[in-house]
């Protein structure tokens, strides 16, 4: 699973004018899957099912 930063650099994701992260394939805003047992969050596209990890 790629990180959000790497996907932004590669062009798999992009940010809109409000700094929301969107999927480049289907242009949908990513949703957040937050698992309290893990470090970081998983950002997922509701349309195509792609997932990227986000460390904070």
N, C-alpha and C. Protein backbone atom coordinates (compact mmCIF):
# COMPACT_ATOMS: atom_id res chain seq x y z
N UNK A 1 0.85 -1.17 0.00
CA UNK A 1 0.00 0.00 0.00
C UNK A 1 0.91 1.24 0.00
N UNK A 2 0.67 2.13 -0.95
CA UNK A 2 1.45 3.36 -1.07
C UNK A 2 1.02 4.38 -0.02
N UNK A 3 1.92 5.31 0.27
CA UNK A 3 1.55 6.41 1.16
C UNK A 3 0.86 7.50 0.33
N UNK A 4 0.13 8.35 1.02
CA UNK A 4 -0.59 9.44 0.35
C UNK A 4 0.41 10.39 -0.30
N UNK A 5 1.50 10.70 0.39
CA UNK A 5 2.50 11.62 -0.17
C UNK A 5 3.11 11.09 -1.46
N UNK A 6 3.45 9.81 -1.48
CA UNK A 6 4.05 9.22 -2.68
C UNK A 6 3.04 9.19 -3.82
N UNK A 7 1.78 8.90 -3.51
CA UNK A 7 0.75 8.88 -4.54
C UNK A 7 0.49 10.28 -5.10
N UNK A 8 0.60 11.31 -4.27
CA UNK A 8 0.46 12.68 -4.76
C UNK A 8 1.60 13.03 -5.71
N UNK A 9 2.82 12.61 -5.38
CA UNK A 9 3.98 12.87 -6.26
C UNK A 9 3.87 12.10 -7.57
N UNK A 10 3.36 10.86 -7.51
CA UNK A 10 3.25 10.02 -8.72
C UNK A 10 2.07 10.39 -9.60
N UNK A 11 1.12 11.16 -9.09
CA UNK A 11 -0.04 11.55 -9.87
C UNK A 11 -1.24 10.65 -9.69
N UNK A 12 -1.17 9.69 -8.75
CA UNK A 12 -2.31 8.82 -8.48
C UNK A 12 -3.40 9.55 -7.71
N UNK A 13 -3.01 10.57 -6.95
CA UNK A 13 -3.94 11.40 -6.18
C UNK A 13 -3.67 12.86 -6.50
N UNK A 14 -4.65 13.71 -6.26
CA UNK A 14 -4.45 15.16 -6.41
C UNK A 14 -5.29 15.88 -5.37
N UNK A 15 -4.92 17.14 -5.11
CA UNK A 15 -5.67 17.96 -4.16
C UNK A 15 -6.50 18.97 -4.93
N UNK A 16 -7.74 19.18 -4.46
CA UNK A 16 -8.60 20.17 -5.11
C UNK A 16 -8.34 21.55 -4.50
N UNK A 17 -9.16 22.53 -4.85
CA UNK A 17 -8.95 23.90 -4.40
C UNK A 17 -9.13 24.06 -2.89
N UNK A 18 -9.82 23.12 -2.25
CA UNK A 18 -10.02 23.17 -0.80
C UNK A 18 -9.06 22.25 -0.06
N UNK A 19 -7.98 21.78 -0.76
CA UNK A 19 -6.95 20.92 -0.19
C UNK A 19 -7.46 19.53 0.20
N UNK A 20 -8.59 19.09 -0.37
CA UNK A 20 -9.08 17.72 -0.16
C UNK A 20 -8.35 16.80 -1.13
N UNK A 21 -8.01 15.60 -0.66
CA UNK A 21 -7.29 14.63 -1.49
C UNK A 21 -8.31 13.84 -2.30
N UNK A 22 -8.08 13.78 -3.62
CA UNK A 22 -8.98 13.09 -4.54
C UNK A 22 -8.24 12.04 -5.33
N UNK A 23 -8.96 11.01 -5.74
CA UNK A 23 -8.42 9.95 -6.60
C UNK A 23 -8.31 10.49 -8.03
N UNK A 24 -7.18 10.26 -8.67
CA UNK A 24 -6.98 10.77 -10.04
C UNK A 24 -7.77 9.96 -11.06
N UNK A 25 -8.06 8.69 -10.78
CA UNK A 25 -8.77 7.85 -11.74
C UNK A 25 -10.24 8.23 -11.85
N UNK A 26 -10.93 8.33 -10.70
CA UNK A 26 -12.38 8.57 -10.74
C UNK A 26 -12.77 9.95 -10.18
N UNK A 27 -11.78 10.74 -9.73
CA UNK A 27 -11.98 12.11 -9.26
C UNK A 27 -12.96 12.23 -8.10
N UNK A 28 -12.97 11.23 -7.21
CA UNK A 28 -13.81 11.25 -6.01
C UNK A 28 -12.94 11.59 -4.80
N UNK A 29 -13.52 12.27 -3.81
CA UNK A 29 -12.82 12.59 -2.58
C UNK A 29 -12.62 11.32 -1.76
N UNK A 30 -11.43 11.17 -1.20
CA UNK A 30 -11.11 9.97 -0.43
C UNK A 30 -11.79 10.00 0.94
N UNK A 31 -12.21 8.85 1.39
CA UNK A 31 -12.81 8.68 2.72
C UNK A 31 -11.74 8.15 3.66
N UNK A 32 -11.94 8.33 4.96
CA UNK A 32 -10.96 7.92 5.97
C UNK A 32 -11.44 6.69 6.71
N UNK A 33 -10.56 5.69 6.80
CA UNK A 33 -10.80 4.51 7.62
C UNK A 33 -9.84 4.61 8.80
N UNK A 34 -10.36 4.81 9.99
CA UNK A 34 -9.51 5.01 11.16
C UNK A 34 -9.58 3.79 12.06
N UNK A 35 -8.46 3.06 12.16
CA UNK A 35 -8.37 1.90 13.04
C UNK A 35 -7.59 2.33 14.28
N UNK A 36 -8.23 2.33 15.46
CA UNK A 36 -7.54 2.82 16.66
C UNK A 36 -6.35 1.96 17.07
N UNK A 37 -6.24 0.75 16.59
CA UNK A 37 -5.14 -0.13 16.94
C UNK A 37 -3.88 0.08 16.11
N UNK A 38 -3.96 0.89 15.05
CA UNK A 38 -2.83 1.10 14.16
C UNK A 38 -2.38 2.56 14.18
N UNK A 39 -1.13 2.76 13.81
CA UNK A 39 -0.60 4.12 13.71
C UNK A 39 -0.96 4.65 12.32
N UNK A 40 -1.52 5.85 12.28
CA UNK A 40 -1.91 6.44 11.02
C UNK A 40 -3.32 6.04 10.62
N UNK A 41 -3.73 6.53 9.47
CA UNK A 41 -5.06 6.23 8.95
C UNK A 41 -4.93 5.69 7.53
N UNK A 42 -5.99 5.07 7.06
CA UNK A 42 -6.05 4.58 5.69
C UNK A 42 -7.07 5.43 4.95
N UNK A 43 -6.65 6.00 3.82
CA UNK A 43 -7.54 6.78 2.98
C UNK A 43 -7.98 5.89 1.83
N UNK A 44 -9.29 5.80 1.60
CA UNK A 44 -9.83 4.89 0.58
C UNK A 44 -10.75 5.64 -0.36
N UNK A 45 -10.71 5.24 -1.62
CA UNK A 45 -11.60 5.80 -2.63
C UNK A 45 -12.90 5.00 -2.63
N UNK A 46 -14.05 5.65 -2.48
CA UNK A 46 -15.31 4.91 -2.45
C UNK A 46 -15.72 4.36 -3.82
N UNK A 47 -15.20 4.93 -4.90
CA UNK A 47 -15.59 4.51 -6.25
C UNK A 47 -14.78 3.30 -6.73
N UNK A 48 -13.44 3.41 -6.71
CA UNK A 48 -12.61 2.34 -7.28
C UNK A 48 -12.00 1.41 -6.23
N UNK A 49 -12.08 1.78 -4.95
CA UNK A 49 -11.60 0.91 -3.89
C UNK A 49 -10.11 1.01 -3.60
N UNK A 50 -9.40 1.96 -4.21
CA UNK A 50 -7.98 2.13 -3.95
C UNK A 50 -7.74 2.61 -2.53
N UNK A 51 -6.63 2.16 -1.92
CA UNK A 51 -6.31 2.54 -0.55
C UNK A 51 -4.88 3.04 -0.45
N UNK A 52 -4.68 4.08 0.37
CA UNK A 52 -3.39 4.69 0.62
C UNK A 52 -3.27 4.95 2.10
N UNK A 53 -2.08 4.77 2.66
CA UNK A 53 -1.89 5.01 4.08
C UNK A 53 -1.39 6.43 4.31
N UNK A 54 -1.81 6.99 5.43
CA UNK A 54 -1.44 8.36 5.78
C UNK A 54 -0.91 8.35 7.21
N UNK A 55 0.36 8.70 7.35
CA UNK A 55 0.98 8.77 8.67
C UNK A 55 0.93 10.20 9.17
N UNK A 56 0.66 10.35 10.46
CA UNK A 56 0.62 11.70 11.05
C UNK A 56 1.53 11.78 12.21
